[in-house]
């Protein structure tokens, strides 16, 4: 219904709502440090909302519809938000809503899977070109570190778990299409 509902779990009711221009498909992400929430709708409207007063801090129009959840990346410094679009474009916004960079990793191939931050400077995501990609990010640019053919055109869901013994990151990846598990 083009609304983002704010719920009070104690009182078990909606206490407020934020109206969007189109339906919201992706889950909202929150930055505890900045007390901001980032939400996207199916027309590519990005909205930054204060969790303190529910006021809109800024809006941004993406170049294409957005089905994936935004991803918060926190390198040393302020951090930023990465948005993936259905036209194969990824872009980053700072906490003021200014675009930092844009890249088209898979021209005319949709990105439906939400990027997953695997550390302070890398994200992993899947694309409808059947590839799992890892990008190294900064506030100025994004560059591909590796790409893996997944054997499926379905979006890829990725998660990570730090390995405390070796300080490395294990990436668990699966496709939602054929059930095969793939990883780097």
N, C-alpha and C. Protein backbone atom coordinates (compact mmCIF):
# COMPACT_ATOMS: atom_id res chain seq x y z
N UNK A 1 0.81 -1.21 0.00
CA UNK A 1 0.00 0.00 0.00
C UNK A 1 0.85 1.27 0.00
N UNK A 2 2.12 1.16 -0.34
CA UNK A 2 3.04 2.30 -0.47
C UNK A 2 3.32 2.98 0.86
N UNK A 3 3.23 2.24 1.94
CA UNK A 3 3.48 2.81 3.27
C UNK A 3 4.48 1.94 4.03
N UNK A 4 5.34 2.61 4.77
CA UNK A 4 6.25 1.96 5.69
C UNK A 4 5.68 2.18 7.08
N UNK A 5 5.34 1.10 7.75
CA UNK A 5 4.70 1.21 9.06
C UNK A 5 5.74 1.12 10.18
N UNK A 6 5.60 1.99 11.17
CA UNK A 6 6.44 1.98 12.35
C UNK A 6 5.61 1.33 13.45
N UNK A 7 6.14 0.22 13.98
CA UNK A 7 5.38 -0.57 14.95
C UNK A 7 5.93 -0.41 16.36
N UNK A 8 5.04 -0.43 17.32
CA UNK A 8 5.41 -0.47 18.73
C UNK A 8 5.12 -1.88 19.21
N UNK A 9 6.16 -2.71 19.43
CA UNK A 9 5.91 -4.11 19.81
C UNK A 9 5.34 -4.25 21.22
N UNK A 10 5.54 -3.28 22.07
CA UNK A 10 4.99 -3.34 23.42
C UNK A 10 3.48 -3.12 23.39
N UNK A 11 3.06 -2.06 22.69
CA UNK A 11 1.64 -1.76 22.60
C UNK A 11 0.95 -2.55 21.49
N UNK A 12 1.75 -3.27 20.69
CA UNK A 12 1.24 -4.13 19.62
C UNK A 12 0.36 -3.38 18.62
N UNK A 13 0.90 -2.23 18.16
CA UNK A 13 0.15 -1.48 17.15
C UNK A 13 1.09 -0.59 16.35
N UNK A 14 0.59 -0.15 15.21
CA UNK A 14 1.33 0.80 14.39
C UNK A 14 1.23 2.17 15.03
N UNK A 15 2.36 2.85 15.17
CA UNK A 15 2.35 4.17 15.80
C UNK A 15 2.55 5.29 14.80
N UNK A 16 3.01 4.94 13.61
CA UNK A 16 3.21 5.94 12.57
C UNK A 16 3.37 5.24 11.23
N UNK A 17 3.36 6.02 10.16
CA UNK A 17 3.62 5.47 8.84
C UNK A 17 4.27 6.53 7.98
N UNK A 18 5.12 6.05 7.06
CA UNK A 18 5.81 6.91 6.12
C UNK A 18 5.30 6.53 4.74
N UNK A 19 4.84 7.50 3.98
CA UNK A 19 4.24 7.23 2.67
C UNK A 19 5.32 7.29 1.58
N UNK A 20 5.31 6.30 0.72
CA UNK A 20 6.21 6.22 -0.44
C UNK A 20 5.43 6.43 -1.72
N UNK A 21 6.15 6.59 -2.85
CA UNK A 21 5.51 6.79 -4.14
C UNK A 21 5.12 5.47 -4.81
N UNK A 22 5.71 4.37 -4.35
CA UNK A 22 5.46 3.05 -4.94
C UNK A 22 5.54 2.01 -3.82
N UNK A 23 5.12 0.78 -4.10
CA UNK A 23 5.21 -0.27 -3.08
C UNK A 23 6.66 -0.51 -2.64
N UNK A 24 6.80 -0.92 -1.40
CA UNK A 24 8.11 -1.24 -0.82
C UNK A 24 8.24 -2.75 -0.82
N UNK A 25 9.29 -3.26 -1.46
CA UNK A 25 9.50 -4.70 -1.56
C UNK A 25 10.63 -5.17 -0.64
N UNK A 26 11.69 -4.38 -0.55
CA UNK A 26 12.90 -4.77 0.19
C UNK A 26 12.80 -4.37 1.66
N UNK A 27 13.38 -5.18 2.54
CA UNK A 27 13.44 -4.78 3.95
C UNK A 27 14.24 -3.50 4.14
N UNK A 28 13.88 -2.74 5.14
CA UNK A 28 14.55 -1.50 5.50
C UNK A 28 15.83 -1.85 6.25
N UNK A 29 16.89 -1.03 6.06
CA UNK A 29 18.12 -1.21 6.84
C UNK A 29 18.28 -0.03 7.79
N UNK A 30 18.93 -0.31 8.93
CA UNK A 30 19.11 0.69 9.97
C UNK A 30 20.59 0.87 10.27
N UNK A 31 20.98 2.11 10.54
CA UNK A 31 22.31 2.42 11.02
C UNK A 31 22.16 2.91 12.45
N UNK A 32 22.59 2.09 13.38
CA UNK A 32 22.44 2.43 14.80
C UNK A 32 23.26 3.68 15.13
N UNK A 33 24.48 3.76 14.58
CA UNK A 33 25.36 4.90 14.88
C UNK A 33 24.78 6.24 14.43
N UNK A 34 24.14 6.27 13.28
CA UNK A 34 23.60 7.53 12.77
C UNK A 34 22.13 7.73 13.14
N UNK A 35 21.49 6.68 13.66
CA UNK A 35 20.06 6.70 13.97
C UNK A 35 19.22 7.01 12.74
N UNK A 36 19.63 6.40 11.61
CA UNK A 36 18.93 6.58 10.36
C UNK A 36 18.50 5.24 9.79
N UNK A 37 17.40 5.25 9.05
CA UNK A 37 16.91 4.07 8.34
C UNK A 37 16.88 4.42 6.85
N UNK A 38 17.20 3.43 6.02
CA UNK A 38 17.17 3.62 4.57
C UNK A 38 16.15 2.65 4.01
N UNK A 39 15.21 3.18 3.24
CA UNK A 39 14.17 2.36 2.60
C UNK A 39 14.12 2.70 1.12
N UNK A 40 13.75 1.70 0.31
CA UNK A 40 13.65 1.88 -1.14
C UNK A 40 12.30 1.37 -1.61
N UNK A 41 11.82 1.92 -2.73
CA UNK A 41 10.57 1.40 -3.29
C UNK A 41 10.80 0.88 -4.70
N UNK A 42 9.76 0.31 -5.28
CA UNK A 42 9.87 -0.35 -6.57
C UNK A 42 10.04 0.61 -7.75
N UNK A 43 9.94 1.91 -7.52
CA UNK A 43 10.22 2.88 -8.58
C UNK A 43 11.62 3.46 -8.46
N UNK A 44 12.40 2.96 -7.49
CA UNK A 44 13.77 3.44 -7.32
C UNK A 44 13.89 4.65 -6.41
N UNK A 45 12.87 4.95 -5.65
CA UNK A 45 12.96 6.05 -4.70
C UNK A 45 13.65 5.56 -3.44
N UNK A 46 14.70 6.27 -3.04
CA UNK A 46 15.45 5.96 -1.82
C UNK A 46 15.12 7.04 -0.81
N UNK A 47 14.79 6.61 0.42
CA UNK A 47 14.45 7.59 1.46
C UNK A 47 15.25 7.29 2.72
N UNK A 48 15.84 8.35 3.27
CA UNK A 48 16.55 8.27 4.55
C UNK A 48 15.65 8.87 5.62
N UNK A 49 15.38 8.08 6.65
CA UNK A 49 14.42 8.47 7.68
C UNK A 49 15.11 8.45 9.04
N UNK A 50 14.91 9.49 9.82
CA UNK A 50 15.45 9.53 11.18
C UNK A 50 14.65 8.56 12.05
N UNK A 51 15.35 7.71 12.78
CA UNK A 51 14.64 6.80 13.70
C UNK A 51 14.26 7.53 14.99
N UNK A 52 14.80 8.71 15.21
CA UNK A 52 14.47 9.47 16.41
C UNK A 52 13.13 10.17 16.29
N UNK A 53 12.88 10.83 15.13
CA UNK A 53 11.64 11.60 15.00
C UNK A 53 10.81 11.21 13.77
N UNK A 54 11.26 10.20 13.00
CA UNK A 54 10.60 9.70 11.80
C UNK A 54 10.52 10.72 10.67
N UNK A 55 11.32 11.76 10.78
CA UNK A 55 11.37 12.77 9.72
C UNK A 55 12.23 12.29 8.55
N UNK A 56 11.87 12.72 7.36
CA UNK A 56 12.66 12.40 6.17
C UNK A 56 13.88 13.31 6.13
N UNK A 57 15.06 12.72 6.11
CA UNK A 57 16.30 13.50 6.05
C UNK A 57 16.64 13.86 4.60
N UNK A 58 16.44 12.90 3.68
CA UNK A 58 16.67 13.16 2.27
C UNK A 58 16.04 12.05 1.44
N UNK A 59 15.86 12.35 0.16
CA UNK A 59 15.39 11.36 -0.80
C UNK A 59 16.34 11.38 -2.00
N UNK A 60 16.35 10.28 -2.73
CA UNK A 60 17.22 10.15 -3.89
C UNK A 60 16.48 9.28 -4.91
N UNK A 61 16.59 9.62 -6.18
CA UNK A 61 15.95 8.84 -7.24
C UNK A 61 16.99 7.96 -7.91
N UNK A 62 16.85 6.65 -7.75
CA UNK A 62 17.77 5.69 -8.38
C UNK A 62 17.50 5.64 -9.87
N UNK A 63 18.48 5.18 -10.67
CA UNK A 63 18.31 5.14 -12.12
C UNK A 63 17.35 4.05 -12.59
N UNK A 64 16.96 3.15 -11.70
CA UNK A 64 16.08 2.03 -12.07
C UNK A 64 15.37 1.53 -10.82
N UNK A 65 14.35 0.67 -10.97
CA UNK A 65 13.68 0.10 -9.80
C UNK A 65 14.65 -0.66 -8.89
N UNK A 66 14.30 -0.73 -7.62
CA UNK A 66 15.13 -1.41 -6.62
C UNK A 66 14.30 -2.48 -5.92
N UNK A 67 14.75 -3.73 -6.03
CA UNK A 67 14.10 -4.84 -5.34
C UNK A 67 14.94 -5.31 -4.15
N UNK A 68 16.23 -5.04 -4.16
CA UNK A 68 17.16 -5.51 -3.13
C UNK A 68 17.22 -4.54 -1.95
N UNK A 69 17.52 -5.08 -0.79
CA UNK A 69 17.73 -4.22 0.38
C UNK A 69 19.00 -3.41 0.20
N UNK A 70 19.00 -2.18 0.70
CA UNK A 70 20.25 -1.42 0.71
C UNK A 70 21.27 -2.14 1.60
N UNK A 71 22.53 -1.82 1.44
CA UNK A 71 23.61 -2.41 2.23
C UNK A 71 24.43 -1.28 2.84
N UNK A 72 24.61 -1.31 4.14
CA UNK A 72 25.42 -0.31 4.82
C UNK A 72 26.85 -0.83 4.88
N UNK A 73 27.78 -0.02 4.39
CA UNK A 73 29.20 -0.36 4.41
C UNK A 73 29.90 0.64 5.32
N UNK A 74 30.71 0.14 6.24
CA UNK A 74 31.34 1.01 7.23
C UNK A 74 32.86 0.89 7.20
N UNK A 75 33.49 1.45 6.17
CA UNK A 75 34.95 1.48 6.19
C UNK A 75 35.39 2.46 7.28
N UNK A 76 36.68 2.60 7.48
CA UNK A 76 37.13 3.59 8.46
C UNK A 76 36.63 4.94 8.00
N UNK A 77 35.90 5.61 8.84
CA UNK A 77 35.26 6.86 8.46
C UNK A 77 33.76 6.74 8.67
N UNK A 78 33.00 7.54 7.95
CA UNK A 78 31.56 7.64 8.16
C UNK A 78 30.76 6.46 7.65
N UNK A 79 31.18 5.84 6.58
CA UNK A 79 30.38 4.79 5.97
C UNK A 79 29.43 5.34 4.94
N UNK A 80 28.76 4.43 4.25
CA UNK A 80 27.84 4.82 3.20
C UNK A 80 26.87 3.69 2.92
N UNK A 81 25.91 3.96 2.05
CA UNK A 81 24.87 3.01 1.70
C UNK A 81 25.04 2.60 0.25
N UNK A 82 25.00 1.30 -0.04
CA UNK A 82 25.09 0.80 -1.41
C UNK A 82 23.70 0.32 -1.83
N UNK A 83 23.27 0.74 -3.02
CA UNK A 83 21.96 0.37 -3.56
C UNK A 83 22.19 -0.39 -4.87
N UNK A 84 21.48 -1.51 -5.05
CA UNK A 84 21.56 -2.31 -6.28
C UNK A 84 20.24 -2.16 -7.04
N UNK A 85 20.34 -1.91 -8.33
CA UNK A 85 19.16 -1.69 -9.17
C UNK A 85 18.93 -2.85 -10.14
N UNK A 86 17.72 -2.93 -10.66
CA UNK A 86 17.39 -4.02 -11.58
C UNK A 86 18.01 -3.85 -12.97
N UNK A 87 18.68 -2.73 -13.23
CA UNK A 87 19.36 -2.57 -14.51
C UNK A 87 20.84 -2.97 -14.44
N UNK A 88 21.27 -3.56 -13.31
CA UNK A 88 22.65 -3.98 -13.15
C UNK A 88 23.56 -2.91 -12.56
N UNK A 89 22.98 -1.80 -12.17
CA UNK A 89 23.75 -0.69 -11.61
C UNK A 89 23.81 -0.79 -10.09
N UNK A 90 24.97 -0.47 -9.53
CA UNK A 90 25.13 -0.27 -8.10
C UNK A 90 25.63 1.15 -7.90
N UNK A 91 25.18 1.79 -6.82
CA UNK A 91 25.69 3.12 -6.50
C UNK A 91 25.76 3.29 -5.00
N UNK A 92 26.56 4.25 -4.57
CA UNK A 92 26.74 4.52 -3.15
C UNK A 92 26.30 5.94 -2.84
N UNK A 93 25.65 6.08 -1.68
CA UNK A 93 25.22 7.38 -1.17
C UNK A 93 25.83 7.59 0.20
N UNK A 94 26.26 8.82 0.50
CA UNK A 94 26.72 9.09 1.86
C UNK A 94 25.51 9.38 2.74
N UNK A 95 25.75 9.68 4.01
CA UNK A 95 24.64 9.88 4.95
C UNK A 95 23.92 11.21 4.74
N UNK A 96 24.41 12.03 3.81
CA UNK A 96 23.70 13.26 3.44
C UNK A 96 22.90 13.08 2.16
N UNK A 97 22.96 11.88 1.57
CA UNK A 97 22.20 11.60 0.35
C UNK A 97 22.94 11.96 -0.93
N UNK A 98 24.22 12.29 -0.83
CA UNK A 98 25.02 12.62 -2.01
C UNK A 98 25.57 11.33 -2.64
N UNK A 99 25.44 11.22 -3.98
CA UNK A 99 25.98 10.05 -4.67
C UNK A 99 27.50 10.12 -4.66
N UNK A 100 28.13 9.03 -4.22
CA UNK A 100 29.59 8.97 -4.17
C UNK A 100 30.18 8.35 -5.43
N UNK A 101 29.54 7.29 -5.93
CA UNK A 101 29.99 6.63 -7.16
C UNK A 101 28.86 5.78 -7.71
N UNK A 102 29.01 5.38 -8.95
CA UNK A 102 28.07 4.45 -9.58
C UNK A 102 28.87 3.53 -10.49
N UNK A 103 28.40 2.30 -10.63
CA UNK A 103 29.04 1.34 -11.52
C UNK A 103 27.98 0.41 -12.08
N UNK A 104 28.15 0.01 -13.31
CA UNK A 104 27.21 -0.93 -13.93
C UNK A 104 27.96 -2.24 -14.11
N UNK A 105 27.75 -3.17 -13.19
CA UNK A 105 28.50 -4.43 -13.19
C UNK A 105 27.94 -5.46 -14.15
N UNK A 106 26.67 -5.36 -14.45
CA UNK A 106 26.03 -6.35 -15.33
C UNK A 106 25.00 -5.63 -16.20
N UNK A 107 25.46 -4.96 -17.25
CA UNK A 107 24.52 -4.20 -18.08
C UNK A 107 23.33 -5.03 -18.53
N UNK A 108 22.16 -4.49 -18.31
CA UNK A 108 20.87 -5.08 -18.65
C UNK A 108 20.59 -6.44 -18.02
N UNK A 109 21.29 -6.76 -16.93
CA UNK A 109 21.00 -7.98 -16.16
C UNK A 109 20.59 -7.54 -14.75
N UNK A 110 19.40 -7.88 -14.33
CA UNK A 110 18.89 -7.40 -13.04
C UNK A 110 19.69 -7.90 -11.83
N UNK A 111 19.78 -7.03 -10.84
CA UNK A 111 20.29 -7.42 -9.53
C UNK A 111 19.10 -7.40 -8.59
N UNK A 112 18.69 -8.59 -8.16
CA UNK A 112 17.59 -8.71 -7.21
C UNK A 112 18.09 -9.09 -5.82
N UNK A 113 19.28 -9.68 -5.73
CA UNK A 113 19.79 -10.08 -4.42
C UNK A 113 20.41 -8.88 -3.73
N UNK A 114 20.21 -8.82 -2.44
CA UNK A 114 20.74 -7.71 -1.65
C UNK A 114 22.24 -7.87 -1.46
N UNK A 115 23.00 -6.80 -1.70
CA UNK A 115 24.44 -6.89 -1.42
C UNK A 115 24.66 -7.18 0.06
N UNK A 116 25.67 -7.97 0.34
CA UNK A 116 26.01 -8.35 1.72
C UNK A 116 27.43 -7.88 2.01
N UNK A 117 27.60 -7.04 3.03
CA UNK A 117 28.94 -6.59 3.42
C UNK A 117 29.65 -7.75 4.11
N UNK A 118 30.82 -8.11 3.58
CA UNK A 118 31.57 -9.21 4.20
C UNK A 118 32.70 -8.70 5.08
N UNK A 119 33.01 -7.44 4.97
CA UNK A 119 33.91 -6.76 5.89
C UNK A 119 33.71 -5.26 5.69
N UNK A 120 34.64 -4.45 6.13
CA UNK A 120 34.46 -3.00 6.07
C UNK A 120 34.64 -2.40 4.69
N UNK A 121 35.07 -3.21 3.71
CA UNK A 121 35.27 -2.63 2.38
C UNK A 121 34.86 -3.53 1.22
N UNK A 122 34.25 -4.67 1.49
CA UNK A 122 33.84 -5.56 0.41
C UNK A 122 32.39 -5.98 0.57
N UNK A 123 31.72 -6.13 -0.59
CA UNK A 123 30.37 -6.66 -0.63
C UNK A 123 30.33 -7.84 -1.59
N UNK A 124 29.36 -8.72 -1.36
CA UNK A 124 29.11 -9.85 -2.26
C UNK A 124 27.64 -9.78 -2.65
N UNK A 125 27.35 -10.07 -3.92
CA UNK A 125 25.97 -10.07 -4.38
C UNK A 125 25.88 -10.95 -5.61
N UNK A 126 24.66 -11.39 -5.91
CA UNK A 126 24.41 -12.18 -7.10
C UNK A 126 23.62 -11.38 -8.12
N UNK A 127 23.66 -11.85 -9.36
CA UNK A 127 23.02 -11.13 -10.45
C UNK A 127 22.38 -12.15 -11.39
N UNK A 128 21.43 -11.68 -12.19
CA UNK A 128 20.75 -12.57 -13.13
C UNK A 128 21.62 -12.97 -14.32
N UNK A 129 22.87 -12.54 -14.37
CA UNK A 129 23.77 -13.06 -15.39
C UNK A 129 24.41 -14.37 -14.90
N UNK A 130 23.96 -14.86 -13.72
CA UNK A 130 24.44 -16.13 -13.19
C UNK A 130 25.78 -16.03 -12.49
N UNK A 131 26.19 -14.83 -12.10
CA UNK A 131 27.49 -14.64 -11.46
C UNK A 131 27.33 -14.12 -10.04
N UNK A 132 28.20 -14.59 -9.18
CA UNK A 132 28.38 -14.06 -7.84
C UNK A 132 29.59 -13.15 -7.91
N UNK A 133 29.45 -11.93 -7.41
CA UNK A 133 30.54 -10.96 -7.51
C UNK A 133 30.93 -10.44 -6.14
N UNK A 134 32.21 -10.12 -6.03
CA UNK A 134 32.74 -9.43 -4.85
C UNK A 134 33.35 -8.12 -5.33
N UNK A 135 32.93 -7.02 -4.72
CA UNK A 135 33.48 -5.70 -5.05
C UNK A 135 34.19 -5.13 -3.84
N UNK A 136 35.32 -4.46 -4.08
CA UNK A 136 36.01 -3.70 -3.04
C UNK A 136 35.54 -2.26 -3.19
N UNK A 137 35.10 -1.68 -2.08
CA UNK A 137 34.48 -0.35 -2.12
C UNK A 137 35.30 0.67 -1.36
N UNK A 138 35.20 1.89 -1.80
CA UNK A 138 35.68 3.04 -1.04
C UNK A 138 34.64 4.13 -1.24
N UNK A 139 34.87 5.28 -0.65
CA UNK A 139 33.91 6.37 -0.85
C UNK A 139 34.04 6.98 -2.24
N UNK A 140 35.10 6.61 -2.98
CA UNK A 140 35.30 7.14 -4.33
C UNK A 140 34.96 6.15 -5.44
N UNK A 141 35.02 4.86 -5.17
CA UNK A 141 34.86 3.90 -6.27
C UNK A 141 34.52 2.50 -5.78
N UNK A 142 34.17 1.67 -6.76
CA UNK A 142 33.94 0.24 -6.52
C UNK A 142 34.68 -0.50 -7.62
N UNK A 143 35.40 -1.56 -7.25
CA UNK A 143 36.07 -2.35 -8.27
C UNK A 143 35.88 -3.82 -7.97
N UNK A 144 35.68 -4.59 -9.04
CA UNK A 144 35.46 -6.03 -8.88
C UNK A 144 36.74 -6.72 -8.44
N UNK A 145 36.62 -7.53 -7.39
CA UNK A 145 37.74 -8.31 -6.87
C UNK A 145 37.73 -9.70 -7.49
N UNK A 146 36.55 -10.31 -7.52
CA UNK A 146 36.40 -11.60 -8.18
C UNK A 146 34.95 -11.80 -8.59
N UNK A 147 34.78 -12.77 -9.49
CA UNK A 147 33.47 -13.12 -10.00
C UNK A 147 33.44 -14.63 -10.17
N UNK A 148 32.34 -15.25 -9.80
CA UNK A 148 32.22 -16.70 -9.85
C UNK A 148 30.95 -17.07 -10.59
N UNK A 149 31.04 -17.92 -11.59
CA UNK A 149 29.86 -18.41 -12.30
C UNK A 149 29.13 -19.36 -11.38
N UNK A 150 27.86 -19.06 -11.12
CA UNK A 150 27.11 -19.87 -10.16
C UNK A 150 26.34 -21.01 -10.80
N UNK A 151 26.15 -20.95 -12.11
CA UNK A 151 25.40 -22.02 -12.77
C UNK A 151 23.90 -21.82 -12.70
N UNK A 152 23.47 -20.70 -12.17
CA UNK A 152 22.05 -20.43 -12.06
C UNK A 152 21.81 -18.96 -12.36
N UNK A 153 20.69 -18.66 -12.95
CA UNK A 153 20.35 -17.26 -13.21
C UNK A 153 19.54 -16.67 -12.07
N UNK A 154 19.29 -17.46 -11.04
CA UNK A 154 18.49 -16.98 -9.91
C UNK A 154 19.31 -16.02 -9.06
N UNK A 155 18.66 -15.10 -8.34
CA UNK A 155 19.40 -14.25 -7.42
C UNK A 155 20.13 -15.11 -6.39
N UNK A 156 21.22 -14.60 -5.90
CA UNK A 156 22.04 -15.33 -4.94
C UNK A 156 21.92 -14.66 -3.59
N UNK A 157 21.78 -15.45 -2.56
CA UNK A 157 21.71 -14.95 -1.20
C UNK A 157 23.04 -15.27 -0.53
N UNK A 158 23.67 -14.27 0.06
CA UNK A 158 24.97 -14.48 0.69
C UNK A 158 24.92 -14.03 2.14
N UNK A 159 25.70 -14.69 2.96
CA UNK A 159 25.86 -14.30 4.34
C UNK A 159 27.30 -14.53 4.73
N UNK A 160 27.74 -13.99 5.86
CA UNK A 160 29.11 -14.20 6.25
C UNK A 160 29.20 -14.44 7.74
N UNK A 161 30.28 -15.12 8.12
CA UNK A 161 30.57 -15.37 9.51
C UNK A 161 32.07 -15.25 9.72
N UNK A 162 32.53 -14.28 10.53
CA UNK A 162 33.97 -14.14 10.75
C UNK A 162 34.52 -15.38 11.43
N UNK A 163 35.71 -15.78 11.03
CA UNK A 163 36.40 -16.91 11.62
C UNK A 163 37.35 -16.34 12.67
N UNK A 164 37.03 -16.49 13.94
CA UNK A 164 37.80 -15.88 15.02
C UNK A 164 39.23 -16.41 15.09
N UNK A 165 39.46 -17.65 14.67
CA UNK A 165 40.79 -18.24 14.78
C UNK A 165 41.77 -17.67 13.76
N UNK A 166 41.31 -17.41 12.55
CA UNK A 166 42.24 -16.98 11.51
C UNK A 166 42.00 -15.55 11.03
N UNK A 167 41.02 -14.88 11.58
CA UNK A 167 40.66 -13.51 11.17
C UNK A 167 40.26 -13.46 9.70
N UNK A 168 39.85 -14.58 9.14
CA UNK A 168 39.37 -14.59 7.76
C UNK A 168 37.85 -14.57 7.78
N UNK A 169 37.27 -14.47 6.61
CA UNK A 169 35.82 -14.44 6.50
C UNK A 169 35.37 -15.64 5.68
N UNK A 170 34.44 -16.41 6.22
CA UNK A 170 33.83 -17.51 5.48
C UNK A 170 32.55 -17.01 4.86
N UNK A 171 32.38 -17.24 3.56
CA UNK A 171 31.17 -16.81 2.88
C UNK A 171 30.34 -18.03 2.55
N UNK A 172 29.12 -18.07 3.06
CA UNK A 172 28.20 -19.15 2.77
C UNK A 172 27.22 -18.62 1.74
N UNK A 173 27.17 -19.28 0.60
CA UNK A 173 26.37 -18.77 -0.51
C UNK A 173 25.49 -19.88 -1.05
N UNK A 174 24.26 -19.54 -1.37
CA UNK A 174 23.39 -20.50 -2.03
C UNK A 174 22.50 -19.78 -3.02
N UNK A 175 22.08 -20.49 -4.03
CA UNK A 175 21.14 -19.90 -4.98
C UNK A 175 19.74 -20.27 -4.55
N UNK A 176 18.77 -19.49 -4.96
CA UNK A 176 17.39 -19.84 -4.60
C UNK A 176 16.69 -20.56 -5.76
N UNK A 177 17.45 -20.87 -6.81
CA UNK A 177 16.84 -21.51 -7.97
C UNK A 177 16.89 -23.02 -7.90
N UNK A 178 18.08 -23.57 -8.04
CA UNK A 178 18.19 -25.02 -8.12
C UNK A 178 18.65 -25.68 -6.85
N UNK A 179 18.93 -24.91 -5.80
CA UNK A 179 19.32 -25.48 -4.53
C UNK A 179 20.80 -25.80 -4.42
N UNK A 180 21.57 -25.64 -5.49
CA UNK A 180 23.00 -25.91 -5.41
C UNK A 180 23.69 -24.84 -4.57
N UNK A 181 24.65 -25.26 -3.78
CA UNK A 181 25.42 -24.34 -2.96
C UNK A 181 26.73 -24.07 -3.67
N UNK A 182 27.07 -22.80 -3.80
CA UNK A 182 28.33 -22.42 -4.43
C UNK A 182 29.05 -21.46 -3.53
N UNK A 183 30.34 -21.35 -3.69
CA UNK A 183 31.13 -20.41 -2.92
C UNK A 183 32.48 -20.24 -3.56
N UNK A 184 33.20 -19.18 -3.20
CA UNK A 184 34.50 -18.92 -3.81
C UNK A 184 35.54 -19.93 -3.37
